[in-house]
């Protein structure tokens, strides 16, 4: 219902905010840093 309401308003910013999980994104970047360090070594 909420996504449909925002879609009808074409409110891209609000949709982006609703779907964003900053905790997950923070963990993703930390995980990438570790992987790049490990995989980049001999």
ModelCIF file with pLDDT and N, C-alpha, C, O atoms, coordinates in Angstrom:
data_MODEL
#
_entry.id   MODEL 
#
_entity.id                         1 
_entity.type                       polymer 
_entity.pdbx_number_of_molecules   1 
#
_entity_poly.entity_id                      1 
_entity_poly.type                           'polypeptide(L)' 
_entity_poly.nstd_linkage                   no 
_entity_poly.nstd_monomer                   no 
_entity_poly.pdbx_seq_one_letter_code       
;(UNK)(UNK)(UNK)(UNK)(UNK)(UNK)(UNK)(UNK)(UNK)(UNK)(UNK)(UNK)(UNK)(UNK)(UNK)(UNK)
(UNK)(UNK)(UNK)(UNK)(UNK)(UNK)(UNK)(UNK)(UNK)(UNK)(UNK)(UNK)(UNK)(UNK)(UNK)(UNK)
(UNK)(UNK)(UNK)(UNK)(UNK)(UNK)(UNK)(UNK)(UNK)(UNK)
;
_entity_poly.pdbx_seq_one_letter_code_can   XXXXXXXXXXXXXXXXXXXXXXXXXXXXXXXXXXXXXXXXXX 
_entity_poly.pdbx_strand_id                 A 
#
loop_
_entity_poly_seq.entity_id 
_entity_poly_seq.num 
_entity_poly_seq.mon_id 
_entity_poly_seq.hetero 
1 1  UNK n 
1 2  UNK n 
1 3  UNK n 
1 4  UNK n 
1 5  UNK n 
1 6  UNK n 
1 7  UNK n 
1 8  UNK n 
1 9  UNK n 
1 10 UNK n 
1 11 UNK n 
1 12 UNK n 
1 13 UNK n 
1 14 UNK n 
1 15 UNK n 
1 16 UNK n 
1 17 UNK n 
1 18 UNK n 
1 19 UNK n 
1 20 UNK n 
1 21 UNK n 
1 22 UNK n 
1 23 UNK n 
1 24 UNK n 
1 25 UNK n 
1 26 UNK n 
1 27 UNK n 
1 28 UNK n 
1 29 UNK n 
1 30 UNK n 
1 31 UNK n 
1 32 UNK n 
1 33 UNK n 
1 34 UNK n 
1 35 UNK n 
1 36 UNK n 
1 37 UNK n 
1 38 UNK n 
1 39 UNK n 
1 40 UNK n 
1 41 UNK n 
1 42 UNK n 
#
_struct_asym.id          A 
_struct_asym.entity_id   1 
#
loop_
_ma_qa_metric.id 
_ma_qa_metric.mode 
_ma_qa_metric.name 
_ma_qa_metric.software_group_id 
_ma_qa_metric.type 
1 global pLDDT . pLDDT 
2 local  pLDDT . pLDDT 
#
_ma_qa_metric_global.metric_id      1 
_ma_qa_metric_global.metric_value   93.57 
_ma_qa_metric_global.model_id       1 
_ma_qa_metric_global.ordinal_id     1 
#
loop_
_ma_qa_metric_local.label_asym_id 
_ma_qa_metric_local.label_comp_id 
_ma_qa_metric_local.label_seq_id 
_ma_qa_metric_local.metric_id 
_ma_qa_metric_local.metric_value 
_ma_qa_metric_local.model_id 
_ma_qa_metric_local.ordinal_id 
A UNK 1  2 97.00 1 1  
A UNK 2  2 98.00 1 2  
A UNK 3  2 98.00 1 3  
A UNK 4  2 98.00 1 4  
A UNK 5  2 97.00 1 5  
A UNK 6  2 98.00 1 6  
A UNK 7  2 98.00 1 7  
A UNK 8  2 97.00 1 8  
A UNK 9  2 97.00 1 9  
A UNK 10 2 97.00 1 10 
A UNK 11 2 98.00 1 11 
A UNK 12 2 98.00 1 12 
A UNK 13 2 97.00 1 13 
A UNK 14 2 98.00 1 14 
A UNK 15 2 98.00 1 15 
A UNK 16 2 97.00 1 16 
A UNK 17 2 97.00 1 17 
A UNK 18 2 97.00 1 18 
A UNK 19 2 95.00 1 19 
A UNK 20 2 95.00 1 20 
A UNK 21 2 93.00 1 21 
A UNK 22 2 94.00 1 22 
A UNK 23 2 95.00 1 23 
A UNK 24 2 92.00 1 24 
A UNK 25 2 94.00 1 25 
A UNK 26 2 95.00 1 26 
A UNK 27 2 94.00 1 27 
A UNK 28 2 94.00 1 28 
A UNK 29 2 95.00 1 29 
A UNK 30 2 95.00 1 30 
A UNK 31 2 95.00 1 31 
A UNK 32 2 93.00 1 32 
A UNK 33 2 93.00 1 33 
A UNK 34 2 93.00 1 34 
A UNK 35 2 92.00 1 35 
A UNK 36 2 90.00 1 36 
A UNK 37 2 88.00 1 37 
A UNK 38 2 89.00 1 38 
A UNK 39 2 86.00 1 39 
A UNK 40 2 80.00 1 40 
A UNK 41 2 76.00 1 41 
A UNK 42 2 69.00 1 42 
#
loop_
_atom_site.group_PDB 
_atom_site.id 
_atom_site.type_symbol 
_atom_site.label_atom_id 
_atom_site.label_alt_id 
_atom_site.label_comp_id 
_atom_site.label_asym_id 
_atom_site.label_entity_id 
_atom_site.label_seq_id 
_atom_site.pdbx_PDB_ins_code 
_atom_site.Cartn_x 
_atom_site.Cartn_y 
_atom_site.Cartn_z 
_atom_site.occupancy 
_atom_site.B_iso_or_equiv 
_atom_site.pdbx_formal_charge 
_atom_site.auth_seq_id 
_atom_site.auth_comp_id 
_atom_site.auth_asym_id 
_atom_site.auth_atom_id 
_atom_site.pdbx_PDB_model_num 
ATOM 1   N N  . UNK A 1 1  ? 0.830  -1.209  0.000  1.00 97.00 ? 1  UNK A N  1 
ATOM 2   C CA . UNK A 1 1  ? 0.000  0.000   0.000  1.00 97.00 ? 1  UNK A CA 1 
ATOM 3   C C  . UNK A 1 1  ? 0.867  1.263   0.000  1.00 97.00 ? 1  UNK A C  1 
ATOM 4   O O  . UNK A 1 1  ? 0.592  2.212   -0.735 1.00 97.00 ? 1  UNK A O  1 
ATOM 5   N N  . UNK A 1 2  ? 1.902  1.266   0.821  1.00 98.00 ? 2  UNK A N  1 
ATOM 6   C CA . UNK A 1 2  ? 2.752  2.457   0.915  1.00 98.00 ? 2  UNK A CA 1 
ATOM 7   C C  . UNK A 1 2  ? 3.570  2.666   -0.360 1.00 98.00 ? 2  UNK A C  1 
ATOM 8   O O  . UNK A 1 2  ? 3.694  3.787   -0.853 1.00 98.00 ? 2  UNK A O  1 
ATOM 9   N N  . UNK A 1 3  ? 4.118  1.586   -0.880 1.00 98.00 ? 3  UNK A N  1 
ATOM 10  C CA . UNK A 1 3  ? 4.881  1.723   -2.124 1.00 98.00 ? 3  UNK A CA 1 
ATOM 11  C C  . UNK A 1 3  ? 3.977  2.173   -3.268 1.00 98.00 ? 3  UNK A C  1 
ATOM 12  O O  . UNK A 1 3  ? 4.388  2.982   -4.099 1.00 98.00 ? 3  UNK A O  1 
ATOM 13  N N  . UNK A 1 4  ? 2.769  1.665   -3.316 1.00 98.00 ? 4  UNK A N  1 
ATOM 14  C CA . UNK A 1 4  ? 1.832  2.067   -4.368 1.00 98.00 ? 4  UNK A CA 1 
ATOM 15  C C  . UNK A 1 4  ? 1.460  3.544   -4.224 1.00 98.00 ? 4  UNK A C  1 
ATOM 16  O O  . UNK A 1 4  ? 1.357  4.263   -5.218 1.00 98.00 ? 4  UNK A O  1 
ATOM 17  N N  . UNK A 1 5  ? 1.262  3.987   -2.996 1.00 97.00 ? 5  UNK A N  1 
ATOM 18  C CA . UNK A 1 5  ? 0.924  5.400   -2.763 1.00 97.00 ? 5  UNK A CA 1 
ATOM 19  C C  . UNK A 1 5  ? 2.053  6.309   -3.257 1.00 97.00 ? 5  UNK A C  1 
ATOM 20  O O  . UNK A 1 5  ? 1.804  7.303   -3.938 1.00 97.00 ? 5  UNK A O  1 
ATOM 21  N N  . UNK A 1 6  ? 3.286  5.961   -2.910 1.00 98.00 ? 6  UNK A N  1 
ATOM 22  C CA . UNK A 1 6  ? 4.428  6.775   -3.323 1.00 98.00 ? 6  UNK A CA 1 
ATOM 23  C C  . UNK A 1 6  ? 4.644  6.716   -4.835 1.00 98.00 ? 6  UNK A C  1 
ATOM 24  O O  . UNK A 1 6  ? 5.064  7.695   -5.451 1.00 98.00 ? 6  UNK A O  1 
ATOM 25  N N  . UNK A 1 7  ? 4.353  5.559   -5.422 1.00 98.00 ? 7  UNK A N  1 
ATOM 26  C CA . UNK A 1 7  ? 4.489  5.430   -6.876 1.00 98.00 ? 7  UNK A CA 1 
ATOM 27  C C  . UNK A 1 7  ? 3.505  6.342   -7.591 1.00 98.00 ? 7  UNK A C  1 
ATOM 28  O O  . UNK A 1 7  ? 3.858  6.961   -8.595 1.00 98.00 ? 7  UNK A O  1 
ATOM 29  N N  . UNK A 1 8  ? 2.286  6.435   -7.096 1.00 97.00 ? 8  UNK A N  1 
ATOM 30  C CA . UNK A 1 8  ? 1.287  7.305   -7.714 1.00 97.00 ? 8  UNK A CA 1 
ATOM 31  C C  . UNK A 1 8  ? 1.695  8.768   -7.608 1.00 97.00 ? 8  UNK A C  1 
ATOM 32  O O  . UNK A 1 8  ? 1.330  9.584   -8.455 1.00 97.00 ? 8  UNK A O  1 
ATOM 33  N N  . UNK A 1 9  ? 2.455  9.098   -6.564 1.00 97.00 ? 9  UNK A N  1 
ATOM 34  C CA . UNK A 1 9  ? 2.968  10.465  -6.405 1.00 97.00 ? 9  UNK A CA 1 
ATOM 35  C C  . UNK A 1 9  ? 4.264  10.673  -7.189 1.00 97.00 ? 9  UNK A C  1 
ATOM 36  O O  . UNK A 1 9  ? 4.763  11.794  -7.288 1.00 97.00 ? 9  UNK A O  1 
ATOM 37  N N  . UNK A 1 10 ? 4.802  9.592   -7.741 1.00 97.00 ? 10 UNK A N  1 
ATOM 38  C CA . UNK A 1 10 ? 6.101  9.614   -8.419 1.00 97.00 ? 10 UNK A CA 1 
ATOM 39  C C  . UNK A 1 10 ? 7.181  10.201  -7.510 1.00 97.00 ? 10 UNK A C  1 
ATOM 40  O O  . UNK A 1 10 ? 8.049  10.950  -7.959 1.00 97.00 ? 10 UNK A O  1 
ATOM 41  N N  . UNK A 1 11 ? 7.111  9.851   -6.233 1.00 98.00 ? 11 UNK A N  1 
ATOM 42  C CA . UNK A 1 11 ? 8.045  10.382  -5.236 1.00 98.00 ? 11 UNK A CA 1 
ATOM 43  C C  . UNK A 1 11 ? 9.240  9.436   -5.127 1.00 98.00 ? 11 UNK A C  1 
ATOM 44  O O  . UNK A 1 11 ? 9.292  8.578   -4.246 1.00 98.00 ? 11 UNK A O  1 
ATOM 45  N N  . UNK A 1 12 ? 10.194 9.609   -6.036 1.00 98.00 ? 12 UNK A N  1 
ATOM 46  C CA . UNK A 1 12 ? 11.351 8.723   -6.098 1.00 98.00 ? 12 UNK A CA 1 
ATOM 47  C C  . UNK A 1 12 ? 12.193 8.816   -4.824 1.00 98.00 ? 12 UNK A C  1 
ATOM 48  O O  . UNK A 1 12 ? 12.713 7.809   -4.343 1.00 98.00 ? 12 UNK A O  1 
ATOM 49  N N  . UNK A 1 13 ? 12.322 10.010  -4.291 1.00 97.00 ? 13 UNK A N  1 
ATOM 50  C CA . UNK A 1 13 ? 13.133 10.193  -3.088 1.00 97.00 ? 13 UNK A CA 1 
ATOM 51  C C  . UNK A 1 13 ? 12.544 9.435   -1.909 1.00 97.00 ? 13 UNK A C  1 
ATOM 52  O O  . UNK A 1 13 ? 13.271 8.789   -1.154 1.00 97.00 ? 13 UNK A O  1 
ATOM 53  N N  . UNK A 1 14 ? 11.229 9.512   -1.750 1.00 98.00 ? 14 UNK A N  1 
ATOM 54  C CA . UNK A 1 14 ? 10.578 8.815   -0.632 1.00 98.00 ? 14 UNK A CA 1 
ATOM 55  C C  . UNK A 1 14 ? 10.647 7.298   -0.821 1.00 98.00 ? 14 UNK A C  1 
ATOM 56  O O  . UNK A 1 14 ? 10.822 6.561   0.149  1.00 98.00 ? 14 UNK A O  1 
ATOM 57  N N  . UNK A 1 15 ? 10.511 6.833   -2.055 1.00 98.00 ? 15 UNK A N  1 
ATOM 58  C CA . UNK A 1 15 ? 10.628 5.393   -2.324 1.00 98.00 ? 15 UNK A CA 1 
ATOM 59  C C  . UNK A 1 15 ? 12.034 4.913   -1.991 1.00 98.00 ? 15 UNK A C  1 
ATOM 60  O O  . UNK A 1 15 ? 12.216 3.865   -1.372 1.00 98.00 ? 15 UNK A O  1 
ATOM 61  N N  . UNK A 1 16 ? 13.022 5.691   -2.408 1.00 97.00 ? 16 UNK A N  1 
ATOM 62  C CA . UNK A 1 16 ? 14.407 5.352   -2.121 1.00 97.00 ? 16 UNK A CA 1 
ATOM 63  C C  . UNK A 1 16 ? 14.650 5.286   -0.610 1.00 97.00 ? 16 UNK A C  1 
ATOM 64  O O  . UNK A 1 16 ? 15.335 4.388   -0.120 1.00 97.00 ? 16 UNK A O  1 
ATOM 65  N N  . UNK A 1 17 ? 14.092 6.225   0.101  1.00 97.00 ? 17 UNK A N  1 
ATOM 66  C CA . UNK A 1 17 ? 14.258 6.259   1.554  1.00 97.00 ? 17 UNK A CA 1 
ATOM 67  C C  . UNK A 1 17 ? 13.583 5.047   2.202  1.00 97.00 ? 17 UNK A C  1 
ATOM 68  O O  . UNK A 1 17 ? 14.122 4.464   3.142  1.00 97.00 ? 17 UNK A O  1 
ATOM 69  N N  . UNK A 1 18 ? 12.416 4.674   1.704  1.00 97.00 ? 18 UNK A N  1 
ATOM 70  C CA . UNK A 1 18 ? 11.666 3.569   2.282  1.00 97.00 ? 18 UNK A CA 1 
ATOM 71  C C  . UNK A 1 18 ? 12.372 2.234   2.079  1.00 97.00 ? 18 UNK A C  1 
ATOM 72  O O  . UNK A 1 18 ? 12.336 1.369   2.954  1.00 97.00 ? 18 UNK A O  1 
ATOM 73  N N  . UNK A 1 19 ? 13.003 2.068   0.942  1.00 95.00 ? 19 UNK A N  1 
ATOM 74  C CA . UNK A 1 19 ? 13.631 0.773   0.662  1.00 95.00 ? 19 UNK A CA 1 
ATOM 75  C C  . UNK A 1 19 ? 15.056 0.664   1.195  1.00 95.00 ? 19 UNK A C  1 
ATOM 76  O O  . UNK A 1 19 ? 15.612 -0.433  1.263  1.00 95.00 ? 19 UNK A O  1 
ATOM 77  N N  . UNK A 1 20 ? 15.654 1.803   1.576  1.00 95.00 ? 20 UNK A N  1 
ATOM 78  C CA . UNK A 1 20 ? 17.049 1.797   2.013  1.00 95.00 ? 20 UNK A CA 1 
ATOM 79  C C  . UNK A 1 20 ? 17.192 1.257   3.430  1.00 95.00 ? 20 UNK A C  1 
ATOM 80  O O  . UNK A 1 20 ? 16.465 1.647   4.343  1.00 95.00 ? 20 UNK A O  1 
ATOM 81  N N  . UNK A 1 21 ? 18.140 0.357   3.582  1.00 93.00 ? 21 UNK A N  1 
ATOM 82  C CA . UNK A 1 21 ? 18.502 -0.163  4.900  1.00 93.00 ? 21 UNK A CA 1 
ATOM 83  C C  . UNK A 1 21 ? 19.963 0.215   5.140  1.00 93.00 ? 21 UNK A C  1 
ATOM 84  O O  . UNK A 1 21 ? 20.864 -0.479  4.668  1.00 93.00 ? 21 UNK A O  1 
ATOM 85  N N  . UNK A 1 22 ? 20.206 1.300   5.862  1.00 94.00 ? 22 UNK A N  1 
ATOM 86  C CA . UNK A 1 22 ? 21.568 1.815   6.024  1.00 94.00 ? 22 UNK A CA 1 
ATOM 87  C C  . UNK A 1 22 ? 22.465 0.889   6.838  1.00 94.00 ? 22 UNK A C  1 
ATOM 88  O O  . UNK A 1 22 ? 23.682 0.869   6.650  1.00 94.00 ? 22 UNK A O  1 
ATOM 89  N N  . UNK A 1 23 ? 21.867 0.133   7.732  1.00 95.00 ? 23 UNK A N  1 
ATOM 90  C CA . UNK A 1 23 ? 22.654 -0.830  8.514  1.00 95.00 ? 23 UNK A CA 1 
ATOM 91  C C  . UNK A 1 23 ? 23.223 -1.898  7.588  1.00 95.00 ? 23 UNK A C  1 
ATOM 92  O O  . UNK A 1 23 ? 24.394 -2.266  7.690  1.00 95.00 ? 23 UNK A O  1 
ATOM 93  N N  . UNK A 1 24 ? 22.384 -2.388  6.687  1.00 92.00 ? 24 UNK A N  1 
ATOM 94  C CA . UNK A 1 24 ? 22.824 -3.399  5.730  1.00 92.00 ? 24 UNK A CA 1 
ATOM 95  C C  . UNK A 1 24 ? 23.902 -2.832  4.803  1.00 92.00 ? 24 UNK A C  1 
ATOM 96  O O  . UNK A 1 24 ? 24.885 -3.507  4.499  1.00 92.00 ? 24 UNK A O  1 
ATOM 97  N N  . UNK A 1 25 ? 23.710 -1.593  4.358  1.00 94.00 ? 25 UNK A N  1 
ATOM 98  C CA . UNK A 1 25 ? 24.694 -0.963  3.469  1.00 94.00 ? 25 UNK A CA 1 
ATOM 99  C C  . UNK A 1 25 ? 26.039 -0.784  4.168  1.00 94.00 ? 25 UNK A C  1 
ATOM 100 O O  . UNK A 1 25 ? 27.091 -0.994  3.564  1.00 94.00 ? 25 UNK A O  1 
ATOM 101 N N  . UNK A 1 26 ? 26.001 -0.399  5.426  1.00 95.00 ? 26 UNK A N  1 
ATOM 102 C CA . UNK A 1 26 ? 27.240 -0.223  6.183  1.00 95.00 ? 26 UNK A CA 1 
ATOM 103 C C  . UNK A 1 26 ? 27.977 -1.549  6.324  1.00 95.00 ? 26 UNK A C  1 
ATOM 104 O O  . UNK A 1 26 ? 29.198 -1.604  6.182  1.00 95.00 ? 26 UNK A O  1 
ATOM 105 N N  . UNK A 1 27 ? 27.235 -2.618  6.604  1.00 94.00 ? 27 UNK A N  1 
ATOM 106 C CA . UNK A 1 27 ? 27.843 -3.940  6.719  1.00 94.00 ? 27 UNK A CA 1 
ATOM 107 C C  . UNK A 1 27 ? 28.409 -4.391  5.370  1.00 94.00 ? 27 UNK A C  1 
ATOM 108 O O  . UNK A 1 27 ? 29.465 -5.022  5.307  1.00 94.00 ? 27 UNK A O  1 
ATOM 109 N N  . UNK A 1 28 ? 27.692 -4.059  4.299  1.00 94.00 ? 28 UNK A N  1 
ATOM 110 C CA . UNK A 1 28 ? 28.152 -4.431  2.957  1.00 94.00 ? 28 UNK A CA 1 
ATOM 111 C C  . UNK A 1 28 ? 29.504 -3.809  2.649  1.00 94.00 ? 28 UNK A C  1 
ATOM 112 O O  . UNK A 1 28 ? 30.406 -4.496  2.170  1.00 94.00 ? 28 UNK A O  1 
ATOM 113 N N  . UNK A 1 29 ? 29.655 -2.517  2.918  1.00 95.00 ? 29 UNK A N  1 
ATOM 114 C CA . UNK A 1 29 ? 30.913 -1.827  2.620  1.00 95.00 ? 29 UNK A CA 1 
ATOM 115 C C  . UNK A 1 29 ? 32.053 -2.343  3.483  1.00 95.00 ? 29 UNK A C  1 
ATOM 116 O O  . UNK A 1 29 ? 33.189 -2.448  3.019  1.00 95.00 ? 29 UNK A O  1 
ATOM 117 N N  . UNK A 1 30 ? 31.758 -2.664  4.737  1.00 95.00 ? 30 UNK A N  1 
ATOM 118 C CA . UNK A 1 30 ? 32.792 -3.223  5.608  1.00 95.00 ? 30 UNK A CA 1 
ATOM 119 C C  . UNK A 1 30 ? 33.212 -4.612  5.122  1.00 95.00 ? 30 UNK A C  1 
ATOM 120 O O  . UNK A 1 30 ? 34.393 -4.957  5.143  1.00 95.00 ? 30 UNK A O  1 
ATOM 121 N N  . UNK A 1 31 ? 32.243 -5.391  4.691  1.00 95.00 ? 31 UNK A N  1 
ATOM 122 C CA . UNK A 1 31 ? 32.541 -6.724  4.173  1.00 95.00 ? 31 UNK A CA 1 
ATOM 123 C C  . UNK A 1 31 ? 33.368 -6.646  2.888  1.00 95.00 ? 31 UNK A C  1 
ATOM 124 O O  . UNK A 1 31 ? 34.296 -7.430  2.690  1.00 95.00 ? 31 UNK A O  1 
ATOM 125 N N  . UNK A 1 32 ? 33.029 -5.706  2.028  1.00 93.00 ? 32 UNK A N  1 
ATOM 126 C CA . UNK A 1 32 ? 33.780 -5.511  0.795  1.00 93.00 ? 32 UNK A CA 1 
ATOM 127 C C  . UNK A 1 32 ? 35.228 -5.129  1.074  1.00 93.00 ? 32 UNK A C  1 
ATOM 128 O O  . UNK A 1 32 ? 36.148 -5.618  0.419  1.00 93.00 ? 32 UNK A O  1 
ATOM 129 N N  . UNK A 1 33 ? 35.418 -4.260  2.044  1.00 93.00 ? 33 UNK A N  1 
ATOM 130 C CA . UNK A 1 33 ? 36.777 -3.847  2.394  1.00 93.00 ? 33 UNK A CA 1 
ATOM 131 C C  . UNK A 1 33 ? 37.612 -5.054  2.826  1.00 93.00 ? 33 UNK A C  1 
ATOM 132 O O  . UNK A 1 33 ? 38.767 -5.200  2.427  1.00 93.00 ? 33 UNK A O  1 
ATOM 133 N N  . UNK A 1 34 ? 37.016 -5.904  3.637  1.00 93.00 ? 34 UNK A N  1 
ATOM 134 C CA . UNK A 1 34 ? 37.732 -7.090  4.119  1.00 93.00 ? 34 UNK A CA 1 
ATOM 135 C C  . UNK A 1 34 ? 38.014 -8.058  2.968  1.00 93.00 ? 34 UNK A C  1 
ATOM 136 O O  . UNK A 1 34 ? 39.120 -8.585  2.847  1.00 93.00 ? 34 UNK A O  1 
ATOM 137 N N  . UNK A 1 35 ? 37.008 -8.284  2.130  1.00 92.00 ? 35 UNK A N  1 
ATOM 138 C CA . UNK A 1 35 ? 37.190 -9.195  0.999  1.00 92.00 ? 35 UNK A CA 1 
ATOM 139 C C  . UNK A 1 35 ? 38.264 -8.692  0.038  1.00 92.00 ? 35 UNK A C  1 
ATOM 140 O O  . UNK A 1 35 ? 39.113 -9.461  -0.413 1.00 92.00 ? 35 UNK A O  1 
ATOM 141 N N  . UNK A 1 36 ? 38.221 -7.396  -0.271 1.00 90.00 ? 36 UNK A N  1 
ATOM 142 C CA . UNK A 1 36 ? 39.198 -6.842  -1.208 1.00 90.00 ? 36 UNK A CA 1 
ATOM 143 C C  . UNK A 1 36 ? 40.610 -6.968  -0.665 1.00 90.00 ? 36 UNK A C  1 
ATOM 144 O O  . UNK A 1 36 ? 41.554 -7.197  -1.420 1.00 90.00 ? 36 UNK A O  1 
ATOM 145 N N  . UNK A 1 37 ? 40.755 -6.817  0.656  1.00 88.00 ? 37 UNK A N  1 
ATOM 146 C CA . UNK A 1 37 ? 42.066 -6.978  1.287  1.00 88.00 ? 37 UNK A CA 1 
ATOM 147 C C  . UNK A 1 37 ? 42.550 -8.415  1.199  1.00 88.00 ? 37 UNK A C  1 
ATOM 148 O O  . UNK A 1 37 ? 43.703 -8.674  0.854  1.00 88.00 ? 37 UNK A O  1 
ATOM 149 N N  . UNK A 1 38 ? 41.655 -9.351  1.517  1.00 89.00 ? 38 UNK A N  1 
ATOM 150 C CA . UNK A 1 38 ? 42.040 -10.769 1.511  1.00 89.00 ? 38 UNK A CA 1 
ATOM 151 C C  . UNK A 1 38 ? 42.265 -11.273 0.094  1.00 89.00 ? 38 UNK A C  1 
ATOM 152 O O  . UNK A 1 38 ? 43.279 -11.916 -0.179 1.00 89.00 ? 38 UNK A O  1 
ATOM 153 N N  . UNK A 1 39 ? 41.332 -10.991 -0.812 1.00 86.00 ? 39 UNK A N  1 
ATOM 154 C CA . UNK A 1 39 ? 41.436 -11.509 -2.175 1.00 86.00 ? 39 UNK A CA 1 
ATOM 155 C C  . UNK A 1 39 ? 42.561 -10.825 -2.952 1.00 86.00 ? 39 UNK A C  1 
ATOM 156 O O  . UNK A 1 39 ? 43.098 -11.391 -3.905 1.00 86.00 ? 39 UNK A O  1 
ATOM 157 N N  . UNK A 1 40 ? 42.910 -9.619  -2.544 1.00 80.00 ? 40 UNK A N  1 
ATOM 158 C CA . UNK A 1 40 ? 43.931 -8.873  -3.270 1.00 80.00 ? 40 UNK A CA 1 
ATOM 159 C C  . UNK A 1 40 ? 45.347 -9.255  -2.910 1.00 80.00 ? 40 UNK A C  1 
ATOM 160 O O  . UNK A 1 40 ? 46.292 -8.795  -3.551 1.00 80.00 ? 40 UNK A O  1 
ATOM 161 N N  . UNK A 1 41 ? 45.519 -10.098 -1.885 1.00 76.00 ? 41 UNK A N  1 
ATOM 162 C CA . UNK A 1 41 ? 46.848 -10.522 -1.468 1.00 76.00 ? 41 UNK A CA 1 
ATOM 163 C C  . UNK A 1 41 ? 47.295 -11.759 -2.235 1.00 76.00 ? 41 UNK A C  1 
ATOM 164 O O  . UNK A 1 41 ? 46.478 -12.484 -2.804 1.00 76.00 ? 41 UNK A O  1 
ATOM 165 N N  . UNK A 1 42 ? 48.579 -11.984 -2.240 1.00 69.00 ? 42 UNK A N  1 
ATOM 166 C CA . UNK A 1 42 ? 49.083 -13.252 -2.732 1.00 69.00 ? 42 UNK A CA 1 
ATOM 167 C C  . UNK A 1 42 ? 48.996 -14.260 -1.598 1.00 69.00 ? 42 UNK A C  1 
ATOM 168 O O  . UNK A 1 42 ? 49.369 -15.420 -1.773 1.00 69.00 ? 42 UNK A O  1 
#
